[in-house]
Amino acid sequence: MLNIELDEVNGIATLIPNGALSEKDFISAASVIDPYIEEYGNLKGLIIYTKTFPGWESFGSLIKHFQFVKEHHKKVSHVALVTDSVLGDFGEKIADHFVSAGIKHFAFGELNNAQNWILNTESK
């Protein structure tokens, strides 16, 4: 399951995985985020907030994740990976080559720092 919290005032969506990610999770995320993007043109930030990365439920879920990234990466200014998982550092280094958003890794206890980075950074 993926919990999605949208801070409409600041334009920040926080995705909180709770177990392996499913195709339905990415459809759900898009249904919350897309109307905001349609109204305001973009999302200032996206935060992935999880102590450890839960993985994907199936190969189809992984593909849906890639589709979600492809469809949204030009409409999101910043992505904060707030996690203690080793995938946080890896994700920051690798994804920076494939997405236009600025990406930064924060430790799990640094959610407020991630939010401040999104709100106070103009570009990558």
PDB file of N, CA and C in Angstrom:
ATOM      1  N   MET A   1       0.844  -1.179   0.000  1.00  0.00           N
ATOM      2  CA  MET A   1       0.000   0.000   0.000  1.00  0.00           C
ATOM      3  C   MET A   1       0.892   1.247   0.000  1.00  0.00           C
ATOM      4  N   LEU A   2       0.411   2.272  -0.668  1.00  0.00           N
ATOM      5  CA  LEU A   2       1.135   3.528  -0.749  1.00  0.00           C
ATOM      6  C   LEU A   2       0.234   4.641  -0.247  1.00  0.00           C
ATOM      7  N   ASN A   3       0.633   5.281   0.852  1.00  0.00           N
ATOM      8  CA  ASN A   3      -0.111   6.431   1.351  1.00  0.00           C
ATOM      9  C   ASN A   3       0.410   7.667   0.635  1.00  0.00           C
ATOM     10  N   ILE A   4      -0.509   8.525   0.211  1.00  0.00           N
ATOM     11  CA  ILE A   4      -0.150   9.729  -0.521  1.00  0.00           C
ATOM     12  C   ILE A   4      -0.703  10.923   0.243  1.00  0.00           C
ATOM     13  N   GLU A   5       0.198  11.826   0.631  1.00  0.00           N
ATOM     14  CA  GLU A   5      -0.203  13.060   1.311  1.00  0.00           C
ATOM     15  C   GLU A   5       0.173  14.221   0.404  1.00  0.00           C
ATOM     16  N   LEU A   6      -0.813  15.047   0.050  1.00  0.00           N
ATOM     17  CA  LEU A   6      -0.565  16.187  -0.814  1.00  0.00           C
ATOM     18  C   LEU A   6      -0.725  17.475  -0.028  1.00  0.00           C
ATOM     19  N   ASP A   7       0.366  18.215   0.103  1.00  0.00           N
ATOM     20  CA  ASP A   7       0.360  19.534   0.726  1.00  0.00           C
ATOM     21  C   ASP A   7       0.103  20.534  -0.402  1.00  0.00           C
ATOM     22  N   GLU A   8      -1.157  20.893  -0.593  1.00  0.00           N
ATOM     23  CA  GLU A   8      -1.539  21.765  -1.706  1.00  0.00           C
ATOM     24  C   GLU A   8      -1.007  23.183  -1.541  1.00  0.00           C
ATOM     25  N   VAL A   9      -0.812  23.627  -0.327  1.00  0.00           N
ATOM     26  CA  VAL A   9      -0.302  24.983  -0.090  1.00  0.00           C
ATOM     27  C   VAL A   9       1.136  25.108  -0.600  1.00  0.00           C
ATOM     28  N   ASN A  10       1.969  24.121  -0.306  1.00  0.00           N
ATOM     29  CA  ASN A  10       3.383  24.172  -0.697  1.00  0.00           C
ATOM     30  C   ASN A  10       3.706  23.402  -1.970  1.00  0.00           C
ATOM     31  N   GLY A  11       2.743  22.652  -2.499  1.00  0.00           N
ATOM     32  CA  GLY A  11       2.983  21.889  -3.715  1.00  0.00           C
ATOM     33  C   GLY A  11       3.934  20.731  -3.521  1.00  0.00           C
ATOM     34  N   ILE A  12       3.782  20.016  -2.393  1.00  0.00           N
ATOM     35  CA  ILE A  12       4.646  18.871  -2.098  1.00  0.00           C
ATOM     36  C   ILE A  12       3.779  17.633  -1.868  1.00  0.00           C
ATOM     37  N   ALA A  13       4.093  16.566  -2.595  1.00  0.00           N
ATOM     38  CA  ALA A  13       3.434  15.276  -2.373  1.00  0.00           C
ATOM     39  C   ALA A  13       4.405  14.369  -1.634  1.00  0.00           C
ATOM     40  N   THR A  14       3.918  13.718  -0.596  1.00  0.00           N
ATOM     41  CA  THR A  14       4.730  12.767   0.159  1.00  0.00           C
ATOM     42  C   THR A  14       4.149  11.380  -0.058  1.00  0.00           C
ATOM     43  N   LEU A  15       5.002  10.487  -0.563  1.00  0.00           N
ATOM     44  CA  LEU A  15       4.600   9.103  -0.802  1.00  0.00           C
ATOM     45  C   LEU A  15       5.211   8.237   0.292  1.00  0.00           C
ATOM     46  N   ILE A  16       4.348   7.506   1.003  1.00  0.00           N
ATOM     47  CA  ILE A  16       4.788   6.703   2.134  1.00  0.00           C
ATOM     48  C   ILE A  16       4.419   5.239   1.862  1.00  0.00           C
ATOM     49  N   PRO A  17       5.394   4.455   1.370  1.00  0.00           N
ATOM     50  CA  PRO A  17       5.111   3.042   1.105  1.00  0.00           C
ATOM     51  C   PRO A  17       4.936   2.264   2.402  1.00  0.00           C
ATOM     52  N   ASN A  18       3.990   1.360   2.369  1.00  0.00           N
ATOM     53  CA  ASN A  18       3.722   0.498   3.511  1.00  0.00           C
ATOM     54  C   ASN A  18       3.588  -0.925   2.971  1.00  0.00           C
ATOM     55  N   GLY A  19       4.706  -1.542   2.666  1.00  0.00           N
ATOM     56  CA  GLY A  19       4.707  -2.854   2.037  1.00  0.00           C
ATOM     57  C   GLY A  19       5.099  -2.740   0.574  1.00  0.00           C
ATOM     58  N   ALA A  20       5.241  -3.874  -0.078  1.00  0.00           N
ATOM     59  CA  ALA A  20       5.661  -3.914  -1.483  1.00  0.00           C
ATOM     60  C   ALA A  20       4.712  -3.087  -2.344  1.00  0.00           C
ATOM     61  N   LEU A  21       5.283  -2.360  -3.297  1.00  0.00           N
ATOM     62  CA  LEU A  21       4.507  -1.471  -4.160  1.00  0.00           C
ATOM     63  C   LEU A  21       3.785  -2.254  -5.255  1.00  0.00           C
ATOM     64  N   SER A  22       2.535  -1.883  -5.502  1.00  0.00           N
ATOM     65  CA  SER A  22       1.730  -2.552  -6.518  1.00  0.00           C
ATOM     66  C   SER A  22       1.439  -1.585  -7.671  1.00  0.00           C
ATOM     67  N   GLU A  23       0.943  -2.119  -8.771  1.00  0.00           N
ATOM     68  CA  GLU A  23       0.544  -1.279  -9.895  1.00  0.00           C
ATOM     69  C   GLU A  23      -0.523  -0.290  -9.441  1.00  0.00           C
ATOM     70  N   LYS A  24      -1.444  -0.754  -8.620  1.00  0.00           N
ATOM     71  CA  LYS A  24      -2.535   0.082  -8.112  1.00  0.00           C
ATOM     72  C   LYS A  24      -1.989   1.286  -7.337  1.00  0.00           C
ATOM     73  N   ASP A  25      -0.867   1.114  -6.632  1.00  0.00           N
ATOM     74  CA  ASP A  25      -0.270   2.215  -5.866  1.00  0.00           C
ATOM     75  C   ASP A  25       0.101   3.383  -6.776  1.00  0.00           C
ATOM     76  N   PHE A  26       0.652   3.089  -7.943  1.00  0.00           N
ATOM     77  CA  PHE A  26       1.082   4.158  -8.848  1.00  0.00           C
ATOM     78  C   PHE A  26      -0.110   4.810  -9.542  1.00  0.00           C
ATOM     79  N   ILE A  27      -1.159   4.031  -9.789  1.00  0.00           N
ATOM     80  CA  ILE A  27      -2.398   4.596 -10.328  1.00  0.00           C
ATOM     81  C   ILE A  27      -3.003   5.541  -9.299  1.00  0.00           C
ATOM     82  N   SER A  28      -2.992   5.122  -8.036  1.00  0.00           N
ATOM     83  CA  SER A  28      -3.502   5.949  -6.931  1.00  0.00           C
ATOM     84  C   SER A  28      -2.713   7.248  -6.791  1.00  0.00           C
ATOM     85  N   ALA A  29      -1.391   7.137  -6.842  1.00  0.00           N
ATOM     86  CA  ALA A  29      -0.541   8.325  -6.719  1.00  0.00           C
ATOM     87  C   ALA A  29      -0.848   9.302  -7.840  1.00  0.00           C
ATOM     88  N   ALA A  30      -0.973   8.806  -9.055  1.00  0.00           N
ATOM     89  CA  ALA A  30      -1.278   9.673 -10.197  1.00  0.00           C
ATOM     90  C   ALA A  30      -2.645  10.333 -10.027  1.00  0.00           C
ATOM     91  N   SER A  31      -3.608   9.615  -9.461  1.00  0.00           N
ATOM     92  CA  SER A  31      -4.955  10.182  -9.307  1.00  0.00           C
ATOM     93  C   SER A  31      -4.984  11.328  -8.289  1.00  0.00           C
ATOM     94  N   VAL A  32      -4.028  11.355  -7.383  1.00  0.00           N
ATOM     95  CA  VAL A  32      -3.929  12.451  -6.410  1.00  0.00           C
ATOM     96  C   VAL A  32      -3.072  13.583  -6.969  1.00  0.00           C
ATOM     97  N   ILE A  33      -1.967  13.242  -7.599  1.00  0.00           N
ATOM     98  CA  ILE A  33      -0.989  14.232  -8.051  1.00  0.00           C
ATOM     99  C   ILE A  33      -1.398  14.918  -9.361  1.00  0.00           C
ATOM    100  N   ASP A  34      -1.941  14.160 -10.303  1.00  0.00           N
ATOM    101  CA  ASP A  34      -2.248  14.710 -11.626  1.00  0.00           C
ATOM    102  C   ASP A  34      -3.221  15.895 -11.603  1.00  0.00           C
ATOM    103  N   PRO A  35      -4.306  15.846 -10.831  1.00  0.00           N
ATOM    104  CA  PRO A  35      -5.192  17.018 -10.809  1.00  0.00           C
ATOM    105  C   PRO A  35      -4.483  18.283 -10.298  1.00  0.00           C
ATOM    106  N   TYR A  36      -3.582  18.122  -9.337  1.00  0.00           N
ATOM    107  CA  TYR A  36      -2.824  19.272  -8.836  1.00  0.00           C
ATOM    108  C   TYR A  36      -1.935  19.830  -9.943  1.00  0.00           C
ATOM    109  N   ILE A  37      -1.246  18.948 -10.661  1.00  0.00           N
ATOM    110  CA  ILE A  37      -0.366  19.376 -11.750  1.00  0.00           C
ATOM    111  C   ILE A  37      -1.178  20.048 -12.859  1.00  0.00           C
ATOM    112  N   GLU A  38      -2.345  19.496 -13.163  1.00  0.00           N
ATOM    113  CA  GLU A  38      -3.201  20.106 -14.185  1.00  0.00           C
ATOM    114  C   GLU A  38      -3.604  21.521 -13.800  1.00  0.00           C
ATOM    115  N   GLU A  39      -3.881  21.735 -12.523  1.00  0.00           N
ATOM    116  CA  GLU A  39      -4.316  23.059 -12.065  1.00  0.00           C
ATOM    117  C   GLU A  39      -3.156  24.051 -11.949  1.00  0.00           C
ATOM    118  N   TYR A  40      -2.000  23.598 -11.448  1.00  0.00           N
ATOM    119  CA  TYR A  40      -0.897  24.515 -11.144  1.00  0.00           C
ATOM    120  C   TYR A  40       0.309  24.395 -12.083  1.00  0.00           C
ATOM    121  N   GLY A  41       0.302  23.415 -12.963  1.00  0.00           N
ATOM    122  CA  GLY A  41       1.380  23.283 -13.936  1.00  0.00           C
ATOM    123  C   GLY A  41       2.522  22.381 -13.521  1.00  0.00           C
ATOM    124  N   ASN A  42       2.788  22.303 -12.238  1.00  0.00           N
ATOM    125  CA  ASN A  42       3.845  21.408 -11.762  1.00  0.00           C
ATOM    126  C   ASN A  42       3.706  21.186 -10.263  1.00  0.00           C
ATOM    127  N   LEU A  43       4.552  20.318  -9.764  1.00  0.00           N
ATOM    128  CA  LEU A  43       4.623  20.011  -8.340  1.00  0.00           C
ATOM    129  C   LEU A  43       5.998  20.452  -7.875  1.00  0.00           C
ATOM    130  N   LYS A  44       6.066  21.235  -6.821  1.00  0.00           N
ATOM    131  CA  LYS A  44       7.361  21.723  -6.337  1.00  0.00           C
ATOM    132  C   LYS A  44       8.238  20.576  -5.858  1.00  0.00           C
ATOM    133  N   GLY A  45       7.621  19.610  -5.215  1.00  0.00           N
ATOM    134  CA  GLY A  45       8.434  18.506  -4.710  1.00  0.00           C
ATOM    135  C   GLY A  45       7.660  17.229  -4.486  1.00  0.00           C
ATOM    136  N   LEU A  46       8.413  16.136  -4.545  1.00  0.00           N
ATOM    137  CA  LEU A  46       7.898  14.817  -4.255  1.00  0.00           C
ATOM    138  C   LEU A  46       8.846  14.197  -3.235  1.00  0.00           C
ATOM    139  N   ILE A  47       8.284  13.730  -2.137  1.00  0.00           N
ATOM    140  CA  ILE A  47       9.087  13.100  -1.088  1.00  0.00           C
ATOM    141  C   ILE A  47       8.711  11.626  -1.019  1.00  0.00           C
ATOM    142  N   ILE A  48       9.708  10.769  -1.118  1.00  0.00           N
ATOM    143  CA  ILE A  48       9.502   9.345  -0.869  1.00  0.00           C
ATOM    144  C   ILE A  48      10.026   9.109   0.537  1.00  0.00           C
ATOM    145  N   TYR A  49       9.114   8.757   1.439  1.00  0.00           N
ATOM    146  CA  TYR A  49       9.412   8.700   2.872  1.00  0.00           C
ATOM    147  C   TYR A  49       9.221   7.276   3.386  1.00  0.00           C
ATOM    148  N   THR A  50      10.331   6.566   3.591  1.00  0.00           N
ATOM    149  CA  THR A  50      10.261   5.187   4.069  1.00  0.00           C
ATOM    150  C   THR A  50      11.571   4.807   4.751  1.00  0.00           C
ATOM    151  N   LYS A  51      11.485   4.141   5.858  1.00  0.00           N
ATOM    152  CA  LYS A  51      12.691   3.721   6.579  1.00  0.00           C
ATOM    153  C   LYS A  51      13.546   2.809   5.708  1.00  0.00           C
ATOM    154  N   THR A  52      12.920   1.803   5.122  1.00  0.00           N
ATOM    155  CA  THR A  52      13.607   0.893   4.209  1.00  0.00           C
ATOM    156  C   THR A  52      12.749   0.756   2.955  1.00  0.00           C
ATOM    157  N   PHE A  53      13.383   0.505   1.831  1.00  0.00           N
ATOM    158  CA  PHE A  53      12.634   0.389   0.588  1.00  0.00           C
ATOM    159  C   PHE A  53      11.910  -0.954   0.542  1.00  0.00           C
ATOM    160  N   PRO A  54      10.581  -0.953   0.309  1.00  0.00           N
ATOM    161  CA  PRO A  54       9.811  -2.191   0.386  1.00  0.00           C
ATOM    162  C   PRO A  54       9.849  -3.058  -0.866  1.00  0.00           C
ATOM    163  N   GLY A  55      10.362  -2.563  -1.966  1.00  0.00           N
ATOM    164  CA  GLY A  55      10.383  -3.328  -3.203  1.00  0.00           C
ATOM    165  C   GLY A  55       9.044  -3.272  -3.922  1.00  0.00           C
ATOM    166  N   TRP A  56       8.919  -4.116  -4.949  1.00  0.00           N
ATOM    167  CA  TRP A  56       7.717  -4.149  -5.771  1.00  0.00           C
ATOM    168  C   TRP A  56       7.025  -5.478  -5.628  1.00  0.00           C
ATOM    169  N   GLU A  57       5.727  -5.450  -5.767  1.00  0.00           N
ATOM    170  CA  GLU A  57       4.907  -6.649  -5.646  1.00  0.00           C
ATOM    171  C   GLU A  57       5.133  -7.612  -6.825  1.00  0.00           C
ATOM    172  N   SER A  58       5.421  -7.039  -8.006  1.00  0.00           N
ATOM    173  CA  SER A  58       5.582  -7.858  -9.210  1.00  0.00           C
ATOM    174  C   SER A  58       6.403  -7.086 -10.242  1.00  0.00           C
ATOM    175  N   PHE A  59       6.765  -7.758 -11.318  1.00  0.00           N
ATOM    176  CA  PHE A  59       7.464  -7.085 -12.408  1.00  0.00           C
ATOM    177  C   PHE A  59       6.568  -6.007 -13.017  1.00  0.00           C
ATOM    178  N   GLY A  60       5.273  -6.278 -13.093  1.00  0.00           N
ATOM    179  CA  GLY A  60       4.315  -5.284 -13.591  1.00  0.00           C
ATOM    180  C   GLY A  60       4.324  -4.025 -12.741  1.00  0.00           C
ATOM    181  N   SER A  61       4.502  -4.182 -11.435  1.00  0.00           N
ATOM    182  CA  SER A  61       4.577  -3.033 -10.526  1.00  0.00           C
ATOM    183  C   SER A  61       5.823  -2.199 -10.812  1.00  0.00           C
ATOM    184  N   LEU A  62       6.929  -2.859 -11.074  1.00  0.00           N
ATOM    185  CA  LEU A  62       8.170  -2.160 -11.410  1.00  0.00           C
ATOM    186  C   LEU A  62       7.983  -1.368 -12.702  1.00  0.00           C
ATOM    187  N   ILE A  63       7.366  -1.978 -13.706  1.00  0.00           N
ATOM    188  CA  ILE A  63       7.118  -1.297 -14.977  1.00  0.00           C
ATOM    189  C   ILE A  63       6.198  -0.090 -14.752  1.00  0.00           C
ATOM    190  N   LYS A  64       5.160  -0.244 -13.950  1.00  0.00           N
ATOM    191  CA  LYS A  64       4.232   0.859 -13.660  1.00  0.00           C
ATOM    192  C   LYS A  64       4.978   1.989 -12.947  1.00  0.00           C
ATOM    193  N   HIS A  65       5.936   1.653 -12.094  1.00  0.00           N
ATOM    194  CA  HIS A  65       6.758   2.641 -11.403  1.00  0.00           C
ATOM    195  C   HIS A  65       7.551   3.447 -12.434  1.00  0.00           C
ATOM    196  N   PHE A  66       8.193   2.759 -13.373  1.00  0.00           N
ATOM    197  CA  PHE A  66       8.958   3.446 -14.423  1.00  0.00           C
ATOM    198  C   PHE A  66       8.059   4.344 -15.269  1.00  0.00           C
ATOM    199  N   GLN A  67       6.849   3.877 -15.568  1.00  0.00           N
ATOM    200  CA  GLN A  67       5.901   4.694 -16.336  1.00  0.00           C
ATOM    201  C   GLN A  67       5.525   5.949 -15.554  1.00  0.00           C
ATOM    202  N   PHE A  68       5.291   5.784 -14.257  1.00  0.00           N
ATOM    203  CA  PHE A  68       4.950   6.922 -13.403  1.00  0.00           C
ATOM    204  C   PHE A  68       6.067   7.962 -13.439  1.00  0.00           C
ATOM    205  N   VAL A  69       7.300   7.511 -13.302  1.00  0.00           N
ATOM    206  CA  VAL A  69       8.456   8.418 -13.342  1.00  0.00           C
ATOM    207  C   VAL A  69       8.528   9.106 -14.700  1.00  0.00           C
ATOM    208  N   LYS A  70       8.390   8.346 -15.772  1.00  0.00           N
ATOM    209  CA  LYS A  70       8.463   8.909 -17.126  1.00  0.00           C
ATOM    210  C   LYS A  70       7.404   9.982 -17.349  1.00  0.00           C
ATOM    211  N   GLU A  71       6.194   9.750 -16.854  1.00  0.00           N
ATOM    212  CA  GLU A  71       5.087  10.678 -17.062  1.00  0.00           C
ATOM    213  C   GLU A  71       5.154  11.913 -16.165  1.00  0.00           C
ATOM    214  N   HIS A  72       5.913  11.854 -15.075  1.00  0.00           N
ATOM    215  CA  HIS A  72       5.884  12.942 -14.103  1.00  0.00           C
ATOM    216  C   HIS A  72       7.200  13.685 -13.903  1.00  0.00           C
ATOM    217  N   HIS A  73       8.326  13.139 -14.327  1.00  0.00           N
ATOM    218  CA  HIS A  73       9.613  13.709 -13.937  1.00  0.00           C
ATOM    219  C   HIS A  73       9.828  15.142 -14.433  1.00  0.00           C
ATOM    220  N   LYS A  74       9.203  15.539 -15.521  1.00  0.00           N
ATOM    221  CA  LYS A  74       9.365  16.916 -16.011  1.00  0.00           C
ATOM    222  C   LYS A  74       8.398  17.883 -15.350  1.00  0.00           C
ATOM    223  N   LYS A  75       7.482  17.359 -14.547  1.00  0.00           N
ATOM    224  CA  LYS A  75       6.469  18.186 -13.887  1.00  0.00           C
ATOM    225  C   LYS A  75       6.706  18.301 -12.389  1.00  0.00           C
ATOM    226  N   VAL A  76       7.826  17.741 -11.930  1.00  0.00           N
ATOM    227  CA  VAL A  76       8.199  17.784 -10.516  1.00  0.00           C
ATOM    228  C   VAL A  76       9.579  18.415 -10.420  1.00  0.00           C
ATOM    229  N   SER A  77       9.700  19.499  -9.651  1.00  0.00           N
ATOM    230  CA  SER A  77      10.972  20.221  -9.561  1.00  0.00           C
ATOM    231  C   SER A  77      12.017  19.500  -8.717  1.00  0.00           C
ATOM    232  N   HIS A  78      11.593  18.881  -7.608  1.00  0.00           N
ATOM    233  CA  HIS A  78      12.531  18.270  -6.663  1.00  0.00           C
ATOM    234  C   HIS A  78      11.992  16.934  -6.167  1.00  0.00           C
ATOM    235  N   VAL A  79      12.897  15.979  -5.986  1.00  0.00           N
ATOM    236  CA  VAL A  79      12.544  14.692  -5.402  1.00  0.00           C
ATOM    237  C   VAL A  79      13.480  14.449  -4.223  1.00  0.00           C
ATOM    238  N   ALA A  80      12.888  14.254  -3.062  1.00  0.00           N
ATOM    239  CA  ALA A  80      13.664  13.956  -1.850  1.00  0.00           C
ATOM    240  C   ALA A  80      13.434  12.491  -1.482  1.00  0.00           C
ATOM    241  N   LEU A  81      14.521  11.754  -1.366  1.00  0.00           N
ATOM    242  CA  LEU A  81      14.473  10.361  -0.937  1.00  0.00           C
ATOM    243  C   LEU A  81      14.803  10.346   0.554  1.00  0.00           C
ATOM    244  N   VAL A  82      13.789  10.229   1.385  1.00  0.00           N
ATOM    245  CA  VAL A  82      13.970  10.285   2.833  1.00  0.00           C
ATOM    246  C   VAL A  82      13.895   8.849   3.354  1.00  0.00           C
ATOM    247  N   THR A  83      15.075   8.246   3.483  1.00  0.00           N
ATOM    248  CA  THR A  83      15.141   6.824   3.817  1.00  0.00           C
ATOM    249  C   THR A  83      16.510   6.470   4.384  1.00  0.00           C
ATOM    250  N   ASP A  84      16.541   5.430   5.171  1.00  0.00           N
ATOM    251  CA  ASP A  84      17.816   4.894   5.646  1.00  0.00           C
ATOM    252  C   ASP A  84      18.288   3.749   4.757  1.00  0.00           C
ATOM    253  N   SER A  85      17.515   3.427   3.725  1.00  0.00           N
ATOM    254  CA  SER A  85      17.885   2.366   2.798  1.00  0.00           C
ATOM    255  C   SER A  85      19.097   2.792   1.968  1.00  0.00           C
ATOM    256  N   VAL A  86      19.953   1.833   1.640  1.00  0.00           N
ATOM    257  CA  VAL A  86      21.106   2.120   0.775  1.00  0.00           C
ATOM    258  C   VAL A  86      20.640   2.566  -0.609  1.00  0.00           C
ATOM    259  N   LEU A  87      19.411   2.263  -0.952  1.00  0.00           N
ATOM    260  CA  LEU A  87      18.875   2.694  -2.243  1.00  0.00           C
ATOM    261  C   LEU A  87      18.713   4.215  -2.312  1.00  0.00           C
ATOM    262  N   GLY A  88      18.713   4.887  -1.167  1.00  0.00           N
ATOM    263  CA  GLY A  88      18.618   6.347  -1.164  1.00  0.00           C
ATOM    264  C   GLY A  88      19.802   6.985  -1.859  1.00  0.00           C
ATOM    265  N   ASP A  89      21.014   6.610  -1.466  1.00  0.00           N
ATOM    266  CA  ASP A  89      22.221   7.136  -2.113  1.00  0.00           C
ATOM    267  C   ASP A  89      22.306   6.693  -3.566  1.00  0.00           C
ATOM    268  N   PHE A  90      22.010   5.420  -3.790  1.00  0.00           N
ATOM    269  CA  PHE A  90      22.048   4.875  -5.139  1.00  0.00           C
ATOM    270  C   PHE A  90      21.037   5.596  -6.030  1.00  0.00           C
ATOM    271  N   GLY A  91      19.818   5.763  -5.520  1.00  0.00           N
ATOM    272  CA  GLY A  91      18.768   6.438  -6.274  1.00  0.00           C
ATOM    273  C   GLY A  91      19.130   7.870  -6.623  1.00  0.00           C
ATOM    274  N   GLU A  92      19.750   8.573  -5.674  1.00  0.00           N
ATOM    275  CA  GLU A  92      20.152   9.958  -5.916  1.00  0.00           C
ATOM    276  C   GLU A  92      21.161  10.035  -7.059  1.00  0.00           C
ATOM    277  N   LYS A  93      22.126   9.149  -7.053  1.00  0.00           N
ATOM    278  CA  LYS A  93      23.194   9.184  -8.070  1.00  0.00           C
ATOM    279  C   LYS A  93      22.708   8.720  -9.442  1.00  0.00           C
ATOM    280  N   ILE A  94      21.924   7.662  -9.476  1.00  0.00           N
ATOM    281  CA  ILE A  94      21.477   7.099 -10.748  1.00  0.00           C
ATOM    282  C   ILE A  94      20.345   7.915 -11.358  1.00  0.00           C
ATOM    283  N   ALA A  95      19.333   8.219 -10.581  1.00  0.00           N
ATOM    284  CA  ALA A  95      18.161   8.921 -11.121  1.00  0.00           C
ATOM    285  C   ALA A  95      18.509  10.309 -11.645  1.00  0.00           C
ATOM    286  N   ASP A  96      19.525  10.919 -11.088  1.00  0.00           N
ATOM    287  CA  ASP A  96      19.931  12.253 -11.535  1.00  0.00           C
ATOM    288  C   ASP A  96      20.267  12.265 -13.025  1.00  0.00           C
ATOM    289  N   HIS A  97      20.651  11.131 -13.574  1.00  0.00           N
ATOM    290  CA  HIS A  97      20.991  11.036 -14.994  1.00  0.00           C
ATOM    291  C   HIS A  97      19.756  10.865 -15.882  1.00  0.00           C
ATOM    292  N   PHE A  98      18.617  10.495 -15.289  1.00  0.00           N
ATOM    293  CA  PHE A  98      17.450  10.145 -16.085  1.00  0.00           C
ATOM    294  C   PHE A  98      16.241  11.056 -15.888  1.00  0.00           C
ATOM    295  N   VAL A  99      16.249  11.857 -14.862  1.00  0.00           N
ATOM    296  CA  VAL A  99      15.096  12.728 -14.606  1.00  0.00           C
ATOM    297  C   VAL A  99      15.550  14.176 -14.530  1.00  0.00           C
ATOM    298  N   SER A 100      14.622  15.073 -14.848  1.00  0.00           N
ATOM    299  CA  SER A 100      14.983  16.487 -14.850  1.00  0.00           C
ATOM    300  C   SER A 100      14.872  17.124 -13.465  1.00  0.00           C
ATOM    301  N   ALA A 101      14.221  16.469 -12.532  1.00  0.00           N
ATOM    302  CA  ALA A 101      14.070  17.014 -11.177  1.00  0.00           C
ATOM    303  C   ALA A 101      15.392  16.956 -10.418  1.00  0.00           C
ATOM    304  N   GLY A 102      15.590  17.907  -9.516  1.00  0.00           N
ATOM    305  CA  GLY A 102      16.709  17.821  -8.586  1.00  0.00           C
ATOM    306  C   GLY A 102      16.420  16.702  -7.596  1.00  0.00           C
ATOM    307  N   ILE A 103      17.399  15.876  -7.301  1.00  0.00           N
ATOM    308  CA  ILE A 103      17.195  14.724  -6.418  1.00  0.00           C
ATOM    309  C   ILE A 103      18.209  14.776  -5.289  1.00  0.00           C
ATOM    310  N   LYS A 104      17.714  14.524  -4.078  1.00  0.00           N
ATOM    311  CA  LYS A 104      18.619  14.529  -2.930  1.00  0.00           C
ATOM    312  C   LYS A 104      18.163  13.477  -1.928  1.00  0.00           C
ATOM    313  N   HIS A 105      19.147  12.804  -1.325  1.00  0.00           N
ATOM    314  CA  HIS A 105      18.886  11.787  -0.320  1.00  0.00           C
ATOM    315  C   HIS A 105      19.017  12.394   1.075  1.00  0.00           C
ATOM    316  N   PHE A 106      18.079  12.066   1.938  1.00  0.00           N
ATOM    317  CA  PHE A 106      18.100  12.470   3.348  1.00  0.00           C
ATOM    318  C   PHE A 106      17.908  11.225   4.207  1.00  0.00           C
ATOM    319  N   ALA A 107      18.479  11.233   5.398  1.00  0.00           N
ATOM    320  CA  ALA A 107      18.243  10.145   6.349  1.00  0.00           C
ATOM    321  C   ALA A 107      16.771  10.148   6.746  1.00  0.00           C
ATOM    322  N   PHE A 108      16.269   9.006   7.192  1.00  0.00           N
ATOM    323  CA  PHE A 108      14.854   8.854   7.518  1.00  0.00           C
ATOM    324  C   PHE A 108      14.367   9.893   8.536  1.00  0.00           C
ATOM    325  N   GLY A 109      15.201  10.270   9.469  1.00  0.00           N
ATOM    326  CA  GLY A 109      14.801  11.237  10.493  1.00  0.00           C
ATOM    327  C   GLY A 109      14.841  12.689  10.033  1.00  0.00           C
ATOM    328  N   GLU A 110      15.132  12.934   8.754  1.00  0.00           N
ATOM    329  CA  GLU A 110      15.306  14.300   8.264  1.00  0.00           C
ATOM    330  C   GLU A 110      14.181  14.776   7.335  1.00  0.00           C
ATOM    331  N   LEU A 111      12.959  14.379   7.636  1.00  0.00           N
ATOM    332  CA  LEU A 111      11.824  14.781   6.816  1.00  0.00           C
ATOM    333  C   LEU A 111      11.708  16.304   6.723  1.00  0.00           C
ATOM    334  N   ASN A 112      11.854  16.994   7.848  1.00  0.00           N
ATOM    335  CA  ASN A 112      11.760  18.463   7.829  1.00  0.00           C
ATOM    336  C   ASN A 112      12.853  19.089   6.976  1.00  0.00           C
ATOM    337  N   ASN A 113      14.059  18.528   7.018  1.00  0.00           N
ATOM    338  CA  ASN A 113      15.145  19.039   6.175  1.00  0.00           C
ATOM    339  C   ASN A 113      14.820  18.859   4.701  1.00  0.00           C
ATOM    340  N   ALA A 114      14.219  17.737   4.368  1.00  0.00           N
ATOM    341  CA  ALA A 114      13.836  17.479   2.975  1.00  0.00           C
ATOM    342  C   ALA A 114      12.784  18.486   2.517  1.00  0.00           C
ATOM    343  N   GLN A 115      11.792  18.736   3.364  1.00  0.00           N
ATOM    344  CA  GLN A 115      10.762  19.717   3.021  1.00  0.00           C
ATOM    345  C   GLN A 115      11.373  21.103   2.844  1.00  0.00           C
ATOM    346  N   ASN A 116      12.275  21.482   3.727  1.00  0.00           N
ATOM    347  CA  ASN A 116      12.936  22.789   3.617  1.00  0.00           C
ATOM    348  C   ASN A 116      13.784  22.889   2.360  1.00  0.00           C
ATOM    349  N   TRP A 117      14.468  21.808   1.999  1.00  0.00           N
ATOM    350  CA  TRP A 117      15.267  21.793   0.771  1.00  0.00           C
ATOM    351  C   TRP A 117      14.379  22.049  -0.442  1.00  0.00           C
ATOM    352  N   ILE A 118      13.234  21.378  -0.478  1.00  0.00           N
ATOM    353  CA  ILE A 118      12.298  21.571  -1.601  1.00  0.00           C
ATOM    354  C   ILE A 118      11.800  23.008  -1.644  1.00  0.00           C
ATOM    355  N   LEU A 119      11.436  23.538  -0.508  1.00  0.00           N
ATOM    356  CA  LEU A 119      10.839  24.884  -0.458  1.00  0.00           C
ATOM    357  C   LEU A 119      11.863  25.992  -0.701  1.00  0.00           C
ATOM    358  N   ASN A 120      13.132  25.729  -0.423  1.00  0.00           N
ATOM    359  CA  ASN A 120      14.138  26.795  -0.505  1.00  0.00           C
ATOM    360  C   ASN A 120      15.179  26.617  -1.606  1.00  0.00           C
ATOM    361  N   THR A 121      14.915  25.691  -2.543  1.00  0.00           N
ATOM    362  CA  THR A 121      15.852  25.451  -3.638  1.00  0.00           C
ATOM    363  C   THR A 121      15.148  25.759  -4.938  1.00  0.00           C
ATOM    364  N   GLU A 122      15.747  26.592  -5.752  1.00  0.00           N
ATOM    365  CA  GLU A 122      15.131  26.984  -7.016  1.00  0.00           C
ATOM    366  C   GLU A 122      15.385  25.983  -8.130  1.00  0.00           C
ATOM    367  N   SER A 123      16.549  25.356  -8.152  1.00  0.00           N
ATOM    368  CA  SER A 123      16.866  24.415  -9.220  1.00  0.00           C
ATOM    369  C   SER A 123      17.783  23.339  -8.693  1.00  0.00           C
ATOM    370  N   LYS A 124      18.128  22.401  -9.570  1.00  0.00           N
ATOM    371  CA  LYS A 124      19.050  21.324  -9.205  1.00  0.00           C
ATOM    372  C   LYS A 124      20.235  21.906  -8.531  1.00  0.00           C
TER     373      LYS A 124
END
